[in-house]
N, C-alpha and C. Protein backbone atom coordinates (compact mmCIF):
# COMPACT_ATOMS: atom_id res chain seq x y z
N UNK A 1 5.45 9.76 -11.35
CA UNK A 1 6.28 8.63 -11.70
C UNK A 1 6.22 8.34 -13.19
N UNK A 2 5.36 9.06 -13.87
CA UNK A 2 5.23 8.85 -15.30
C UNK A 2 6.58 9.08 -15.97
N UNK A 3 6.99 8.15 -16.78
CA UNK A 3 8.28 8.25 -17.44
C UNK A 3 9.41 7.57 -16.68
N UNK A 4 9.12 7.02 -15.54
CA UNK A 4 10.10 6.29 -14.73
C UNK A 4 9.58 4.87 -14.51
N UNK A 5 9.80 3.97 -15.46
CA UNK A 5 9.22 2.62 -15.37
C UNK A 5 9.63 1.86 -14.11
N UNK A 6 10.83 2.10 -13.61
CA UNK A 6 11.25 1.41 -12.38
C UNK A 6 10.39 1.83 -11.20
N UNK A 7 10.12 3.10 -11.10
CA UNK A 7 9.27 3.60 -10.01
C UNK A 7 7.83 3.15 -10.19
N UNK A 8 7.35 3.13 -11.41
CA UNK A 8 6.00 2.64 -11.67
C UNK A 8 5.87 1.18 -11.24
N UNK A 9 6.91 0.39 -11.50
CA UNK A 9 6.88 -1.03 -11.12
C UNK A 9 6.85 -1.20 -9.60
N UNK A 10 7.57 -0.35 -8.89
CA UNK A 10 7.56 -0.40 -7.43
C UNK A 10 6.18 -0.03 -6.91
N UNK A 11 5.63 1.05 -7.42
CA UNK A 11 4.30 1.48 -7.00
C UNK A 11 3.25 0.41 -7.32
N UNK A 12 3.42 -0.24 -8.46
CA UNK A 12 2.49 -1.30 -8.86
C UNK A 12 2.45 -2.40 -7.79
N UNK A 13 3.60 -2.82 -7.32
CA UNK A 13 3.66 -3.89 -6.32
C UNK A 13 2.92 -3.46 -5.05
N UNK A 14 3.16 -2.26 -4.59
CA UNK A 14 2.55 -1.78 -3.35
C UNK A 14 1.04 -1.63 -3.52
N UNK A 15 0.62 -1.04 -4.62
CA UNK A 15 -0.82 -0.86 -4.83
C UNK A 15 -1.52 -2.18 -5.13
N UNK A 16 -0.85 -3.10 -5.78
CA UNK A 16 -1.43 -4.43 -6.01
C UNK A 16 -1.63 -5.14 -4.68
N UNK A 17 -0.68 -4.96 -3.76
CA UNK A 17 -0.82 -5.57 -2.43
C UNK A 17 -2.05 -5.01 -1.72
N UNK A 18 -2.23 -3.69 -1.78
CA UNK A 18 -3.40 -3.08 -1.15
C UNK A 18 -4.70 -3.58 -1.79
N UNK A 19 -4.73 -3.60 -3.11
CA UNK A 19 -5.94 -4.04 -3.82
C UNK A 19 -6.24 -5.52 -3.54
N UNK A 20 -5.21 -6.33 -3.51
CA UNK A 20 -5.39 -7.76 -3.26
C UNK A 20 -5.88 -7.99 -1.83
N UNK A 21 -5.28 -7.29 -0.88
CA UNK A 21 -5.74 -7.44 0.50
C UNK A 21 -7.18 -6.97 0.64
N UNK A 22 -7.51 -5.84 0.05
CA UNK A 22 -8.88 -5.34 0.11
C UNK A 22 -9.85 -6.38 -0.46
N UNK A 23 -9.48 -6.97 -1.57
CA UNK A 23 -10.31 -8.01 -2.19
C UNK A 23 -10.51 -9.19 -1.23
N UNK A 24 -9.44 -9.56 -0.53
CA UNK A 24 -9.51 -10.70 0.38
C UNK A 24 -10.42 -10.42 1.58
N UNK A 25 -10.67 -9.15 1.86
CA UNK A 25 -11.56 -8.78 2.97
C UNK A 25 -12.99 -8.56 2.51
N UNK A 26 -13.27 -8.92 1.27
CA UNK A 26 -14.60 -8.66 0.68
C UNK A 26 -14.91 -7.17 0.68
N UNK A 27 -13.90 -6.38 0.34
CA UNK A 27 -14.02 -4.92 0.21
C UNK A 27 -14.43 -4.23 1.51
N UNK A 28 -13.91 -4.71 2.63
CA UNK A 28 -14.20 -4.07 3.91
C UNK A 28 -13.37 -2.81 4.13
N UNK A 29 -12.26 -2.69 3.41
CA UNK A 29 -11.40 -1.52 3.60
C UNK A 29 -12.03 -0.26 3.03
N UNK A 30 -11.63 0.85 3.61
CA UNK A 30 -11.99 2.16 3.09
C UNK A 30 -10.67 2.87 2.75
N UNK A 31 -10.78 3.96 2.05
CA UNK A 31 -9.58 4.72 1.70
C UNK A 31 -8.78 5.11 2.93
N UNK A 32 -9.46 5.47 4.01
CA UNK A 32 -8.75 5.85 5.24
C UNK A 32 -7.88 4.70 5.76
N UNK A 33 -8.33 3.46 5.57
CA UNK A 33 -7.53 2.30 5.99
C UNK A 33 -6.26 2.19 5.14
N UNK A 34 -6.39 2.36 3.84
CA UNK A 34 -5.23 2.30 2.95
C UNK A 34 -4.24 3.42 3.30
N UNK A 35 -4.76 4.59 3.60
CA UNK A 35 -3.91 5.72 3.98
C UNK A 35 -3.19 5.42 5.29
N UNK A 36 -3.88 4.84 6.23
CA UNK A 36 -3.25 4.49 7.52
C UNK A 36 -2.15 3.45 7.30
N UNK A 37 -2.37 2.50 6.41
CA UNK A 37 -1.34 1.51 6.11
C UNK A 37 -0.11 2.20 5.51
N UNK A 38 -0.32 3.18 4.65
CA UNK A 38 0.81 3.94 4.10
C UNK A 38 1.57 4.66 5.21
N UNK A 39 0.85 5.24 6.16
CA UNK A 39 1.50 5.91 7.29
C UNK A 39 2.33 4.92 8.11
N UNK A 40 1.82 3.73 8.28
CA UNK A 40 2.54 2.70 9.01
C UNK A 40 3.80 2.28 8.24
N UNK A 41 3.72 2.26 6.92
CA UNK A 41 4.90 1.96 6.11
C UNK A 41 5.95 3.05 6.27
N UNK A 42 5.51 4.31 6.35
CA UNK A 42 6.44 5.41 6.63
C UNK A 42 7.12 5.18 7.98
N UNK A 43 6.33 4.82 8.97
CA UNK A 43 6.90 4.57 10.30
C UNK A 43 7.98 3.50 10.23
N UNK A 44 7.73 2.46 9.45
CA UNK A 44 8.68 1.35 9.33
C UNK A 44 9.91 1.74 8.55
N UNK A 45 9.71 2.29 7.35
CA UNK A 45 10.84 2.51 6.45
C UNK A 45 11.56 3.84 6.67
N UNK A 46 10.87 4.84 7.14
CA UNK A 46 11.52 6.14 7.33
C UNK A 46 11.98 6.34 8.78
N UNK A 47 11.08 6.02 9.72
CA UNK A 47 11.38 6.27 11.12
C UNK A 47 11.92 5.05 11.87
N UNK A 48 11.95 3.89 11.21
CA UNK A 48 12.43 2.64 11.83
C UNK A 48 11.67 2.30 13.11
N UNK A 49 10.37 2.53 13.10
CA UNK A 49 9.55 2.26 14.27
C UNK A 49 8.80 0.95 14.11
N UNK A 50 8.70 0.21 15.19
CA UNK A 50 7.89 -1.01 15.22
C UNK A 50 6.44 -0.63 15.49
N UNK A 51 5.54 -1.52 15.15
CA UNK A 51 4.11 -1.23 15.34
C UNK A 51 3.52 -2.08 16.44
N UNK A 52 2.68 -1.45 17.21
CA UNK A 52 1.88 -2.16 18.19
C UNK A 52 0.44 -2.04 17.70
N UNK A 53 -0.14 -3.17 17.38
CA UNK A 53 -1.50 -3.17 16.85
C UNK A 53 -2.47 -3.36 18.00
N UNK A 54 -3.37 -2.45 18.12
CA UNK A 54 -4.30 -2.44 19.25
C UNK A 54 -5.66 -2.99 18.84
N UNK A 55 -5.67 -4.22 18.38
CA UNK A 55 -6.93 -4.88 18.09
C UNK A 55 -7.55 -4.57 16.74
N UNK A 56 -6.86 -3.83 15.88
CA UNK A 56 -7.41 -3.56 14.56
C UNK A 56 -6.82 -4.55 13.56
N UNK A 57 -7.46 -5.71 13.45
CA UNK A 57 -6.97 -6.76 12.58
C UNK A 57 -6.96 -6.37 11.12
N UNK A 58 -7.90 -5.53 10.71
CA UNK A 58 -7.95 -5.10 9.32
C UNK A 58 -6.66 -4.36 8.94
N UNK A 59 -6.26 -3.41 9.78
CA UNK A 59 -5.03 -2.66 9.51
C UNK A 59 -3.79 -3.52 9.70
N UNK A 60 -3.77 -4.31 10.74
CA UNK A 60 -2.61 -5.16 11.01
C UNK A 60 -2.35 -6.12 9.86
N UNK A 61 -3.39 -6.80 9.41
CA UNK A 61 -3.23 -7.76 8.32
C UNK A 61 -2.93 -7.07 6.99
N UNK A 62 -3.51 -5.89 6.78
CA UNK A 62 -3.22 -5.14 5.56
C UNK A 62 -1.78 -4.69 5.51
N UNK A 63 -1.29 -4.19 6.63
CA UNK A 63 0.11 -3.78 6.74
C UNK A 63 1.02 -4.97 6.48
N UNK A 64 0.74 -6.09 7.12
CA UNK A 64 1.56 -7.29 6.94
C UNK A 64 1.54 -7.77 5.50
N UNK A 65 0.40 -7.67 4.85
CA UNK A 65 0.28 -8.07 3.44
C UNK A 65 1.19 -7.21 2.57
N UNK A 66 1.14 -5.91 2.75
CA UNK A 66 1.97 -5.01 1.94
C UNK A 66 3.45 -5.24 2.23
N UNK A 67 3.80 -5.39 3.49
CA UNK A 67 5.20 -5.67 3.86
C UNK A 67 5.67 -6.96 3.20
N UNK A 68 4.82 -7.98 3.20
CA UNK A 68 5.20 -9.25 2.57
C UNK A 68 5.45 -9.07 1.08
N UNK A 69 4.59 -8.32 0.41
CA UNK A 69 4.79 -8.05 -1.02
C UNK A 69 6.10 -7.31 -1.26
N UNK A 70 6.38 -6.31 -0.42
CA UNK A 70 7.61 -5.54 -0.58
C UNK A 70 8.83 -6.46 -0.40
N UNK A 71 8.81 -7.26 0.64
CA UNK A 71 9.95 -8.14 0.91
C UNK A 71 10.13 -9.19 -0.17
N UNK A 72 9.03 -9.69 -0.69
CA UNK A 72 9.10 -10.73 -1.71
C UNK A 72 9.45 -10.17 -3.09
N UNK A 73 8.80 -9.10 -3.48
CA UNK A 73 8.91 -8.61 -4.86
C UNK A 73 9.89 -7.45 -5.04
N UNK A 74 10.28 -6.80 -3.94
CA UNK A 74 11.14 -5.62 -4.05
C UNK A 74 12.35 -5.69 -3.12
N UNK A 75 12.99 -6.83 -2.99
CA UNK A 75 14.07 -6.96 -2.00
C UNK A 75 15.29 -6.08 -2.28
N UNK A 76 15.51 -5.73 -3.53
CA UNK A 76 16.71 -4.97 -3.86
C UNK A 76 16.46 -3.46 -3.99
N UNK A 77 15.24 -3.02 -3.75
CA UNK A 77 14.94 -1.59 -3.85
C UNK A 77 15.52 -0.88 -2.63
N UNK A 78 16.26 0.17 -2.90
CA UNK A 78 16.86 0.94 -1.81
C UNK A 78 15.78 1.59 -0.94
N UNK A 79 16.07 1.67 0.33
CA UNK A 79 15.13 2.22 1.32
C UNK A 79 14.66 3.63 0.94
N UNK A 80 15.57 4.51 0.53
CA UNK A 80 15.18 5.88 0.17
C UNK A 80 14.26 5.91 -1.04
N UNK A 81 14.50 5.04 -1.99
CA UNK A 81 13.63 4.97 -3.17
C UNK A 81 12.24 4.47 -2.77
N UNK A 82 12.21 3.49 -1.92
CA UNK A 82 10.94 2.96 -1.43
C UNK A 82 10.15 4.02 -0.68
N UNK A 83 10.82 4.80 0.12
CA UNK A 83 10.16 5.88 0.87
C UNK A 83 9.55 6.91 -0.09
N UNK A 84 10.27 7.26 -1.14
CA UNK A 84 9.75 8.20 -2.14
C UNK A 84 8.49 7.67 -2.80
N UNK A 85 8.50 6.40 -3.15
CA UNK A 85 7.35 5.80 -3.83
C UNK A 85 6.16 5.72 -2.87
N UNK A 86 6.40 5.31 -1.64
CA UNK A 86 5.33 5.27 -0.65
C UNK A 86 4.74 6.67 -0.48
N UNK A 87 5.59 7.68 -0.47
CA UNK A 87 5.12 9.06 -0.36
C UNK A 87 4.23 9.47 -1.51
N UNK A 88 4.61 9.08 -2.72
CA UNK A 88 3.79 9.42 -3.89
C UNK A 88 2.44 8.71 -3.83
N UNK A 89 2.45 7.44 -3.44
CA UNK A 89 1.20 6.69 -3.31
C UNK A 89 0.32 7.31 -2.23
N UNK A 90 0.93 7.67 -1.12
CA UNK A 90 0.22 8.31 -0.02
C UNK A 90 -0.45 9.60 -0.49
N UNK A 91 0.29 10.42 -1.24
CA UNK A 91 -0.26 11.67 -1.77
C UNK A 91 -1.48 11.40 -2.65
N UNK A 92 -1.37 10.42 -3.54
CA UNK A 92 -2.48 10.10 -4.44
C UNK A 92 -3.68 9.59 -3.64
N UNK A 93 -3.43 8.72 -2.68
CA UNK A 93 -4.53 8.17 -1.87
C UNK A 93 -5.25 9.27 -1.11
N UNK A 94 -4.49 10.18 -0.51
CA UNK A 94 -5.13 11.28 0.23
C UNK A 94 -5.88 12.21 -0.70
N UNK A 95 -5.34 12.43 -1.87
CA UNK A 95 -5.98 13.33 -2.84
C UNK A 95 -7.29 12.73 -3.36
N UNK A 96 -7.30 11.42 -3.57
CA UNK A 96 -8.49 10.75 -4.09
C UNK A 96 -9.52 10.43 -3.01
N UNK A 97 -9.14 10.53 -1.76
CA UNK A 97 -10.00 10.14 -0.65
C UNK A 97 -11.02 11.22 -0.35
N UNK A 98 -12.26 10.83 -0.42
CA UNK A 98 -13.32 11.72 0.06
C UNK A 98 -14.16 10.98 1.11
N UNK A 99 -13.48 10.07 1.82
CA UNK A 99 -14.12 9.39 2.93
C UNK A 99 -14.76 8.06 2.61
N UNK A 100 -14.53 7.57 1.41
CA UNK A 100 -15.18 6.31 1.06
C UNK A 100 -14.16 5.35 0.51
N UNK A 101 -14.33 5.00 -0.77
CA UNK A 101 -13.50 3.98 -1.40
C UNK A 101 -13.04 4.40 -2.79
N UNK A 102 -12.89 5.66 -3.02
CA UNK A 102 -12.52 6.14 -4.35
C UNK A 102 -11.11 5.71 -4.75
N UNK A 103 -10.16 5.85 -3.84
CA UNK A 103 -8.79 5.44 -4.13
C UNK A 103 -8.72 3.93 -4.35
N UNK A 104 -9.34 3.16 -3.48
CA UNK A 104 -9.32 1.70 -3.61
C UNK A 104 -9.97 1.24 -4.92
N UNK A 105 -11.04 1.90 -5.32
CA UNK A 105 -11.69 1.56 -6.60
C UNK A 105 -10.75 1.88 -7.76
N UNK A 106 -10.04 2.99 -7.66
CA UNK A 106 -9.11 3.38 -8.72
C UNK A 106 -7.99 2.35 -8.87
N UNK A 107 -7.38 1.95 -7.75
CA UNK A 107 -6.27 1.01 -7.90
C UNK A 107 -6.75 -0.37 -8.34
N UNK A 108 -7.96 -0.76 -7.94
CA UNK A 108 -8.48 -2.03 -8.43
C UNK A 108 -8.66 -1.97 -9.95
N UNK A 109 -9.13 -0.84 -10.43
CA UNK A 109 -9.36 -0.68 -11.87
C UNK A 109 -8.05 -0.69 -12.66
N UNK A 110 -7.05 0.04 -12.17
CA UNK A 110 -5.82 0.21 -12.93
C UNK A 110 -4.71 -0.78 -12.58
N UNK A 111 -4.71 -1.29 -11.37
CA UNK A 111 -3.67 -2.21 -10.96
C UNK A 111 -4.20 -3.64 -10.93
N UNK A 112 -5.42 -3.80 -10.50
CA UNK A 112 -6.00 -5.13 -10.40
C UNK A 112 -5.63 -5.80 -9.10
N UNK A 113 -5.87 -7.09 -9.05
CA UNK A 113 -5.57 -7.86 -7.86
C UNK A 113 -4.77 -9.09 -8.26
N UNK A 114 -3.97 -9.58 -7.32
CA UNK A 114 -3.23 -10.82 -7.52
C UNK A 114 -3.90 -11.88 -6.67
N UNK A 115 -4.50 -12.85 -7.32
CA UNK A 115 -5.11 -13.95 -6.59
C UNK A 115 -4.42 -15.23 -6.97
N UNK A 116 -4.34 -16.13 -6.02
CA UNK A 116 -3.73 -17.42 -6.30
C UNK A 116 -2.24 -17.44 -6.18
N UNK A 117 -1.65 -16.39 -5.57
CA UNK A 117 -0.19 -16.37 -5.37
C UNK A 117 0.21 -17.38 -4.32
C-alpha cells in the first residue's frame, strides 16, 4: 500500500480498531485472534455471510469493534476496495504471526490506539 495514501488510511482505521480493542482487553488477544477477526471480515464483506458466535466473547467483541470502526470511519469506501485492504492486512498478520503477539505489538507501535472515542 506504500504510495497509496487512501489505502494506507483505510488500513490505519482497521488496524487501529484491532489495536484499540486489544488494549481494551488488557492485551488478552493473540495474533491468531486478530487473524480470525480478519477472516470473519472476509466472510462479511466478500462472502456476505452472517456470523454465529459460539461463546467466544473475545472474537465476537473484537469483530464488532472493527465493524463499528469501518462503519463509522469508512462509510464511503467501496466494498471491493475494503476487501483488498483486509486481504493485505491479513497477509501481513499471518506473515508476522509466530504464535504469539508479534503482529499486535507491531500495529500498536506503528498505528497506536484510540482511547476516549
